Protein backbone atom coordinates (compact mmCIF):
# COMPACT_ATOMS: atom_id res chain seq x y z
CA MET A 1 -76.68 56.71 13.49
CA ASN A 2 -73.02 55.85 13.62
CA ASN A 3 -71.36 52.60 14.58
CA ILE A 4 -69.44 54.18 17.42
CA ILE A 5 -70.80 55.68 20.62
CA ILE A 6 -69.05 57.40 23.47
CA ILE A 7 -70.72 57.25 26.85
CA VAL A 8 -70.10 60.14 29.21
CA PRO A 9 -71.48 60.05 32.76
CA THR A 10 -71.89 63.57 34.29
CA LEU A 11 -72.54 65.11 37.62
CA ASN A 12 -72.13 68.88 37.98
CA GLU A 13 -69.79 69.14 34.98
CA LYS A 14 -71.21 72.34 33.38
CA GLU A 15 -67.79 73.95 32.88
CA ASN A 16 -66.43 70.84 31.19
CA ILE A 17 -69.18 69.86 28.72
CA ASP A 18 -68.14 72.15 25.93
CA ILE A 19 -64.46 71.54 26.51
CA LEU A 20 -64.94 67.76 26.24
CA PHE A 21 -67.22 68.02 23.20
CA ASN A 22 -64.76 70.31 21.35
CA LYS A 23 -61.80 67.93 22.11
CA LEU A 24 -63.80 64.92 20.93
CA THR A 25 -65.07 66.53 17.72
CA ALA A 26 -61.61 67.80 16.85
CA THR A 27 -60.80 64.27 15.76
CA ASN A 28 -61.56 62.79 12.33
CA ILE A 29 -63.56 59.99 13.94
CA VAL A 30 -67.41 59.95 13.36
CA PHE A 31 -69.28 58.93 16.43
CA ASP A 32 -72.39 59.49 18.54
CA LEU A 33 -72.30 60.76 22.10
CA LEU A 34 -74.42 59.69 25.03
CA PHE A 35 -74.44 61.80 28.21
CA ILE A 36 -75.87 60.25 31.29
CA ASP A 37 -76.49 62.90 33.97
CA ASP A 38 -77.28 62.12 37.55
CA ASN A 39 -79.50 65.13 38.21
CA SER A 40 -76.86 67.83 38.12
CA THR A 41 -77.56 71.08 39.98
CA ASP A 42 -75.09 73.34 38.31
CA GLY A 43 -76.72 73.72 34.86
CA THR A 44 -74.99 70.65 33.25
CA GLN A 45 -78.31 69.53 31.89
CA GLU A 46 -78.90 72.84 30.18
CA GLU A 47 -75.44 72.68 28.50
CA ILE A 48 -76.27 69.18 27.23
CA LYS A 49 -79.62 70.23 25.96
CA GLN A 50 -77.99 73.07 24.03
CA LEU A 51 -75.51 70.73 22.42
CA ILE A 52 -78.37 68.36 21.41
CA LYS A 53 -80.16 71.26 19.68
CA GLU A 54 -76.99 71.98 17.72
CA ASN A 55 -75.89 68.32 16.98
CA GLN A 56 -77.94 65.31 15.90
CA ASN A 57 -75.31 62.81 17.04
CA ILE A 58 -75.81 63.64 20.78
CA ASN A 59 -78.17 61.74 23.01
CA CYS A 60 -78.86 61.89 26.80
CA ILE A 61 -80.30 60.09 29.71
CA PHE A 62 -81.26 62.49 32.52
CA ARG A 63 -81.68 60.39 35.65
CA PRO A 64 -83.90 61.63 38.49
CA LYS A 65 -81.29 61.40 41.24
CA ARG A 66 -77.69 60.58 41.93
CA MET A 67 -77.30 56.90 41.18
CA GLY A 68 -73.51 56.50 40.79
CA ILE A 69 -71.03 56.26 37.95
CA GLY A 70 -71.15 52.44 37.84
CA SER A 71 -74.82 52.30 37.13
CA ALA A 72 -74.48 55.19 34.67
CA HIS A 73 -72.03 53.09 32.61
CA LYS A 74 -74.36 50.15 32.89
CA ASP A 75 -77.38 52.19 31.77
CA GLY A 76 -75.29 53.55 28.83
CA LEU A 77 -74.16 50.12 27.78
CA ILE A 78 -77.70 48.77 27.87
CA TRP A 79 -79.00 51.78 25.86
CA SER A 80 -76.23 51.50 23.37
CA TYR A 81 -76.61 47.76 22.96
CA LYS A 82 -80.31 48.17 22.29
CA LYS A 83 -79.50 50.76 19.54
CA ASN A 84 -77.11 48.23 17.91
CA TYR A 85 -73.85 50.22 18.21
CA LYS A 86 -70.85 48.12 17.06
CA ILE A 87 -68.25 50.00 19.23
CA ILE A 88 -69.07 51.45 22.60
CA ILE A 89 -66.53 53.60 24.45
CA THR A 90 -66.82 54.64 28.04
């Protein structure tokens, strides 16, 4: 586990998951990534699951319905706090 985590709420972002991941990993910063998906219907969850298989620093929360971006950030902050991250970026 790293000291830094980036929280990314998603809803139907299949086309953007790889783009975002590639841009973030192009930096020299070592971090973990937490996706919070609000039950996307376009294949976003499958894209995230594929990234998780290939990268140990990726986590996810798949929520059962659309609950909103505010509560996604809140859930991500709570999850990250419980995991003792020192820096949390949203």
